């Protein structure tokens, strides 16, 4: 069920990217899609009643391997969040530059104004 919600977030973001004419709404659609993908990746490493992946001398390896949470998707999502923040800053900067040049965020009007 939770995977369907992740898929719904991705589809809502894709719908926003493909159907909207406003650049700001397209950026928001991309962010919603990115959050859906992040949630999906974190859920891939989740285990019900999982234990942290910390090994010490008292840890039983068979139980540990069956119940430990996979930290790799969490690390990948943290990296993706940082990269996504940089991409968001670039998208906002480009949107501001387009607004300064053309005076609008509407893609249809920008297409008509190009030389």
N, C-alpha and C. Protein backbone atom coordinates (compact mmCIF):
# COMPACT_ATOMS: atom_id res chain seq x y z
N UNK A 1 0.82 -1.20 0.00
CA UNK A 1 0.00 0.00 0.00
C UNK A 1 0.86 1.26 0.00
N UNK A 2 1.90 1.26 0.83
CA UNK A 2 2.74 2.46 0.91
C UNK A 2 3.51 2.69 -0.39
N UNK A 3 3.82 1.60 -1.11
CA UNK A 3 4.49 1.75 -2.40
C UNK A 3 3.57 2.40 -3.42
N UNK A 4 2.28 2.14 -3.31
CA UNK A 4 1.32 2.78 -4.20
C UNK A 4 1.25 4.29 -3.93
N UNK A 5 1.42 4.68 -2.67
CA UNK A 5 1.44 6.11 -2.35
C UNK A 5 2.69 6.77 -2.92
N UNK A 6 3.81 6.07 -2.88
CA UNK A 6 5.03 6.60 -3.50
C UNK A 6 4.83 6.77 -5.00
N UNK A 7 4.22 5.76 -5.62
CA UNK A 7 3.95 5.82 -7.05
C UNK A 7 2.97 6.95 -7.37
N UNK A 8 1.99 7.18 -6.47
CA UNK A 8 1.04 8.27 -6.67
C UNK A 8 1.75 9.63 -6.59
N UNK A 9 2.68 9.78 -5.66
CA UNK A 9 3.45 11.03 -5.58
C UNK A 9 4.25 11.26 -6.86
N UNK A 10 4.86 10.21 -7.37
CA UNK A 10 5.64 10.34 -8.60
C UNK A 10 4.72 10.73 -9.76
N UNK A 11 3.55 10.11 -9.84
CA UNK A 11 2.61 10.43 -10.92
C UNK A 11 2.04 11.84 -10.79
N UNK A 12 1.78 12.29 -9.58
CA UNK A 12 1.30 13.67 -9.37
C UNK A 12 2.36 14.67 -9.82
N UNK A 13 3.60 14.41 -9.47
CA UNK A 13 4.68 15.29 -9.91
C UNK A 13 4.85 15.27 -11.41
N UNK A 14 4.76 14.09 -12.03
CA UNK A 14 4.87 13.98 -13.48
C UNK A 14 3.72 14.71 -14.18
N UNK A 15 2.52 14.61 -13.62
CA UNK A 15 1.37 15.33 -14.16
C UNK A 15 1.62 16.84 -14.11
N UNK A 16 2.16 17.32 -12.98
CA UNK A 16 2.46 18.73 -12.85
C UNK A 16 3.51 19.21 -13.84
N UNK A 17 4.48 18.39 -14.11
CA UNK A 17 5.54 18.77 -15.06
C UNK A 17 5.00 18.80 -16.49
N UNK A 18 4.18 17.83 -16.84
CA UNK A 18 3.74 17.71 -18.23
C UNK A 18 2.58 18.62 -18.60
N UNK A 19 1.75 19.02 -17.64
CA UNK A 19 0.54 19.76 -17.99
C UNK A 19 0.59 21.24 -17.65
N UNK A 20 1.45 21.68 -16.80
CA UNK A 20 1.46 23.08 -16.38
C UNK A 20 2.29 23.93 -17.34
N UNK A 21 1.90 25.20 -17.46
CA UNK A 21 2.60 26.14 -18.33
C UNK A 21 3.46 27.12 -17.53
N UNK A 22 3.27 27.18 -16.23
CA UNK A 22 4.02 28.08 -15.37
C UNK A 22 5.32 27.40 -14.92
N UNK A 23 6.42 28.09 -15.05
CA UNK A 23 7.73 27.50 -14.73
C UNK A 23 7.82 27.14 -13.24
N UNK A 24 7.26 27.96 -12.38
CA UNK A 24 7.31 27.69 -10.94
C UNK A 24 6.54 26.42 -10.62
N UNK A 25 5.39 26.21 -11.25
CA UNK A 25 4.61 24.99 -11.01
C UNK A 25 5.33 23.76 -11.55
N UNK A 26 6.07 23.92 -12.63
CA UNK A 26 6.86 22.81 -13.15
C UNK A 26 7.97 22.43 -12.17
N UNK A 27 8.61 23.42 -11.58
CA UNK A 27 9.65 23.17 -10.57
C UNK A 27 9.05 22.45 -9.36
N UNK A 28 7.87 22.88 -8.92
CA UNK A 28 7.22 22.23 -7.80
C UNK A 28 6.86 20.78 -8.15
N UNK A 29 6.41 20.55 -9.38
CA UNK A 29 6.11 19.18 -9.82
C UNK A 29 7.36 18.30 -9.80
N UNK A 30 8.48 18.85 -10.21
CA UNK A 30 9.74 18.09 -10.15
C UNK A 30 10.11 17.76 -8.70
N UNK A 31 9.87 18.69 -7.79
CA UNK A 31 10.18 18.44 -6.38
C UNK A 31 9.28 17.35 -5.80
N UNK A 32 8.00 17.36 -6.15
CA UNK A 32 7.08 16.34 -5.65
C UNK A 32 7.51 14.96 -6.18
N UNK A 33 7.91 14.91 -7.45
CA UNK A 33 8.39 13.66 -8.03
C UNK A 33 9.65 13.17 -7.30
N UNK A 34 10.54 14.10 -7.00
CA UNK A 34 11.78 13.74 -6.30
C UNK A 34 11.49 13.21 -4.90
N UNK A 35 10.52 13.81 -4.20
CA UNK A 35 10.17 13.33 -2.86
C UNK A 35 9.57 11.94 -2.91
N UNK A 36 8.78 11.65 -3.93
CA UNK A 36 8.23 10.31 -4.08
C UNK A 36 9.31 9.27 -4.30
N UNK A 37 10.31 9.62 -5.09
CA UNK A 37 11.42 8.70 -5.33
C UNK A 37 12.25 8.51 -4.07
N UNK A 38 12.46 9.59 -3.31
CA UNK A 38 13.19 9.46 -2.04
C UNK A 38 12.46 8.54 -1.07
N UNK A 39 11.16 8.72 -0.97
CA UNK A 39 10.38 7.87 -0.07
C UNK A 39 10.44 6.41 -0.50
N UNK A 40 10.37 6.17 -1.80
CA UNK A 40 10.46 4.80 -2.30
C UNK A 40 11.81 4.18 -1.96
N UNK A 41 12.89 4.92 -2.14
CA UNK A 41 14.22 4.38 -1.85
C UNK A 41 14.41 4.09 -0.36
N UNK A 42 13.91 4.97 0.49
CA UNK A 42 14.03 4.72 1.93
C UNK A 42 13.22 3.50 2.32
N UNK A 43 12.05 3.31 1.71
CA UNK A 43 11.23 2.15 2.04
C UNK A 43 11.87 0.84 1.56
N UNK A 44 12.74 0.90 0.58
CA UNK A 44 13.42 -0.31 0.12
C UNK A 44 14.36 -0.86 1.19
N UNK A 45 14.93 0.00 2.02
CA UNK A 45 15.84 -0.45 3.06
C UNK A 45 15.18 -0.70 4.40
N UNK A 46 13.86 -0.45 4.48
CA UNK A 46 13.14 -0.60 5.74
C UNK A 46 12.82 -2.06 6.03
N UNK A 47 12.93 -2.44 7.30
CA UNK A 47 12.48 -3.75 7.78
C UNK A 47 11.67 -3.55 9.04
N UNK A 48 10.55 -4.24 9.12
CA UNK A 48 9.70 -4.13 10.30
C UNK A 48 10.45 -4.66 11.53
N UNK A 49 10.49 -3.88 12.58
CA UNK A 49 11.21 -4.17 13.81
C UNK A 49 12.70 -4.44 13.54
N UNK A 50 13.27 -3.67 12.62
CA UNK A 50 14.68 -3.81 12.30
C UNK A 50 15.57 -3.20 13.36
N UNK A 51 16.79 -3.66 13.38
CA UNK A 51 17.78 -3.15 14.34
C UNK A 51 18.81 -2.34 13.57
N UNK A 52 19.47 -1.38 14.25
CA UNK A 52 20.51 -0.61 13.57
C UNK A 52 21.67 -1.52 13.15
N UNK A 53 22.31 -1.21 12.03
CA UNK A 53 23.39 -2.07 11.54
C UNK A 53 24.71 -1.82 12.25
N UNK A 54 24.72 -2.08 13.57
CA UNK A 54 25.92 -1.88 14.38
C UNK A 54 26.33 -3.25 14.93
N UNK A 55 27.54 -3.66 14.64
CA UNK A 55 28.02 -4.98 15.06
C UNK A 55 29.01 -4.79 16.22
N UNK A 56 28.79 -5.55 17.29
CA UNK A 56 29.75 -5.59 18.39
C UNK A 56 29.94 -7.05 18.80
N UNK A 57 30.65 -7.28 19.88
CA UNK A 57 30.98 -8.66 20.27
C UNK A 57 29.76 -9.47 20.74
N UNK A 58 28.72 -8.80 21.20
CA UNK A 58 27.55 -9.53 21.70
C UNK A 58 26.50 -9.78 20.62
N UNK A 59 26.75 -9.37 19.40
CA UNK A 59 25.77 -9.50 18.33
C UNK A 59 25.81 -10.91 17.73
N UNK A 60 24.63 -11.52 17.63
CA UNK A 60 24.52 -12.80 16.94
C UNK A 60 24.36 -12.52 15.45
N UNK A 61 25.28 -13.03 14.64
CA UNK A 61 25.33 -12.68 13.23
C UNK A 61 24.11 -13.17 12.45
N UNK A 62 23.57 -14.33 12.77
CA UNK A 62 22.42 -14.84 12.02
C UNK A 62 21.19 -13.97 12.26
N UNK A 63 20.96 -13.58 13.49
CA UNK A 63 19.83 -12.71 13.81
C UNK A 63 20.08 -11.32 13.23
N UNK A 64 21.32 -10.88 13.31
CA UNK A 64 21.67 -9.55 12.81
C UNK A 64 21.42 -9.45 11.31
N UNK A 65 21.81 -10.45 10.55
CA UNK A 65 21.64 -10.41 9.10
C UNK A 65 20.17 -10.48 8.69
N UNK A 66 19.33 -11.11 9.50
CA UNK A 66 17.91 -11.21 9.17
C UNK A 66 17.13 -9.96 9.57
N UNK A 67 17.59 -9.23 10.60
CA UNK A 67 16.80 -8.14 11.14
C UNK A 67 17.42 -6.76 10.96
N UNK A 68 18.62 -6.65 10.47
CA UNK A 68 19.24 -5.33 10.40
C UNK A 68 18.67 -4.53 9.22
N UNK A 69 18.61 -3.24 9.43
CA UNK A 69 18.12 -2.32 8.40
C UNK A 69 19.27 -2.02 7.45
N UNK A 70 18.96 -1.94 6.16
CA UNK A 70 19.98 -1.65 5.16
C UNK A 70 20.26 -0.15 5.14
N UNK A 71 21.48 0.29 5.47
CA UNK A 71 21.77 1.73 5.51
C UNK A 71 22.09 2.34 4.15
N UNK A 72 22.30 1.54 3.12
CA UNK A 72 22.69 2.07 1.82
C UNK A 72 21.61 2.95 1.19
N UNK A 73 20.34 2.56 1.16
CA UNK A 73 19.33 3.47 0.59
C UNK A 73 19.23 4.79 1.34
N UNK A 74 19.42 4.76 2.65
CA UNK A 74 19.37 6.00 3.42
C UNK A 74 20.53 6.92 3.03
N UNK A 75 21.70 6.35 2.85
CA UNK A 75 22.85 7.15 2.43
C UNK A 75 22.65 7.71 1.02
N UNK A 76 22.09 6.90 0.14
CA UNK A 76 21.83 7.38 -1.22
C UNK A 76 20.80 8.50 -1.23
N UNK A 77 19.78 8.39 -0.39
CA UNK A 77 18.76 9.44 -0.33
C UNK A 77 19.35 10.73 0.25
N UNK A 78 20.20 10.62 1.26
CA UNK A 78 20.84 11.82 1.79
C UNK A 78 21.69 12.52 0.73
N UNK A 79 22.41 11.73 -0.04
CA UNK A 79 23.20 12.30 -1.13
C UNK A 79 22.29 12.92 -2.18
N UNK A 80 21.19 12.26 -2.49
CA UNK A 80 20.25 12.77 -3.48
C UNK A 80 19.58 14.06 -3.01
N UNK A 81 19.32 14.18 -1.72
CA UNK A 81 18.73 15.41 -1.19
C UNK A 81 19.68 16.58 -1.38
N UNK A 82 20.95 16.37 -1.12
CA UNK A 82 21.94 17.44 -1.29
C UNK A 82 22.05 17.83 -2.76
N UNK A 83 22.11 16.85 -3.65
CA UNK A 83 22.18 17.15 -5.08
C UNK A 83 20.90 17.83 -5.54
N UNK A 84 19.75 17.37 -5.03
CA UNK A 84 18.47 17.98 -5.38
C UNK A 84 18.39 19.43 -4.94
N UNK A 85 18.98 19.76 -3.81
CA UNK A 85 19.01 21.14 -3.35
C UNK A 85 19.80 22.02 -4.31
N UNK A 86 20.93 21.51 -4.79
CA UNK A 86 21.71 22.26 -5.78
C UNK A 86 20.96 22.45 -7.09
N UNK A 87 20.26 21.41 -7.53
CA UNK A 87 19.48 21.49 -8.76
C UNK A 87 18.32 22.46 -8.58
N UNK A 88 17.69 22.44 -7.40
CA UNK A 88 16.60 23.38 -7.12
C UNK A 88 17.10 24.82 -7.17
N UNK A 89 18.25 25.08 -6.59
CA UNK A 89 18.82 26.43 -6.63
C UNK A 89 19.08 26.86 -8.07
N UNK A 90 19.58 25.95 -8.89
CA UNK A 90 19.81 26.26 -10.30
C UNK A 90 18.51 26.53 -11.04
N UNK A 91 17.47 25.72 -10.78
CA UNK A 91 16.18 25.93 -11.44
C UNK A 91 15.56 27.27 -11.04
N UNK A 92 15.65 27.62 -9.78
CA UNK A 92 15.10 28.89 -9.32
C UNK A 92 15.88 30.06 -9.93
N UNK A 93 17.20 29.94 -9.98
CA UNK A 93 18.01 31.01 -10.58
C UNK A 93 17.68 31.18 -12.06
N UNK A 94 17.53 30.07 -12.79
CA UNK A 94 17.16 30.17 -14.20
C UNK A 94 15.76 30.74 -14.37
N UNK A 95 14.84 30.38 -13.48
CA UNK A 95 13.48 30.92 -13.55
C UNK A 95 13.49 32.43 -13.32
N UNK A 96 14.28 32.88 -12.37
CA UNK A 96 14.37 34.32 -12.11
C UNK A 96 14.97 35.05 -13.31
N UNK A 97 16.00 34.47 -13.91
CA UNK A 97 16.60 35.09 -15.10
C UNK A 97 15.61 35.14 -16.27
N UNK A 98 14.83 34.08 -16.46
CA UNK A 98 13.81 34.09 -17.51
C UNK A 98 12.75 35.15 -17.23
N UNK A 99 12.37 35.29 -15.97
CA UNK A 99 11.37 36.30 -15.62
C UNK A 99 11.92 37.70 -15.84
N UNK A 100 13.20 37.92 -15.52
CA UNK A 100 13.81 39.22 -15.75
C UNK A 100 13.87 39.55 -17.24
N UNK A 101 14.14 38.55 -18.08
CA UNK A 101 14.28 38.80 -19.52
C UNK A 101 12.94 38.94 -20.22
N UNK A 102 11.99 38.06 -19.89
CA UNK A 102 10.72 38.05 -20.62
C UNK A 102 9.56 38.64 -19.84
N UNK A 103 9.69 38.83 -18.54
CA UNK A 103 8.64 39.43 -17.74
C UNK A 103 7.49 38.50 -17.41
N UNK A 104 7.65 37.21 -17.60
CA UNK A 104 6.59 36.25 -17.31
C UNK A 104 7.19 34.89 -16.97
N UNK A 105 6.39 34.07 -16.28
CA UNK A 105 6.78 32.69 -16.02
C UNK A 105 6.05 31.72 -16.95
N UNK A 106 5.17 32.24 -17.80
CA UNK A 106 4.37 31.40 -18.68
C UNK A 106 5.21 30.94 -19.89
N UNK A 107 5.26 29.63 -20.10
CA UNK A 107 6.08 29.08 -21.18
C UNK A 107 5.53 29.47 -22.54
N UNK A 108 4.21 29.52 -22.68
CA UNK A 108 3.61 29.87 -23.98
C UNK A 108 4.01 31.26 -24.40
N UNK A 109 4.00 32.22 -23.46
CA UNK A 109 4.38 33.58 -23.80
C UNK A 109 5.86 33.70 -24.11
N UNK A 110 6.69 32.93 -23.39
CA UNK A 110 8.12 32.96 -23.64
C UNK A 110 8.43 32.41 -25.04
N UNK A 111 7.71 31.36 -25.46
CA UNK A 111 7.91 30.82 -26.80
C UNK A 111 7.55 31.83 -27.88
N UNK A 112 6.51 32.63 -27.63
CA UNK A 112 6.09 33.64 -28.61
C UNK A 112 7.05 34.81 -28.67
N UNK A 113 7.76 35.12 -27.56
CA UNK A 113 8.63 36.27 -27.49
C UNK A 113 10.03 36.02 -28.02
N UNK A 114 10.38 34.75 -28.26
CA UNK A 114 11.75 34.50 -28.69
C UNK A 114 11.98 35.04 -30.10
N UNK A 115 13.24 35.41 -30.37
CA UNK A 115 13.56 36.08 -31.64
C UNK A 115 13.94 35.12 -32.62
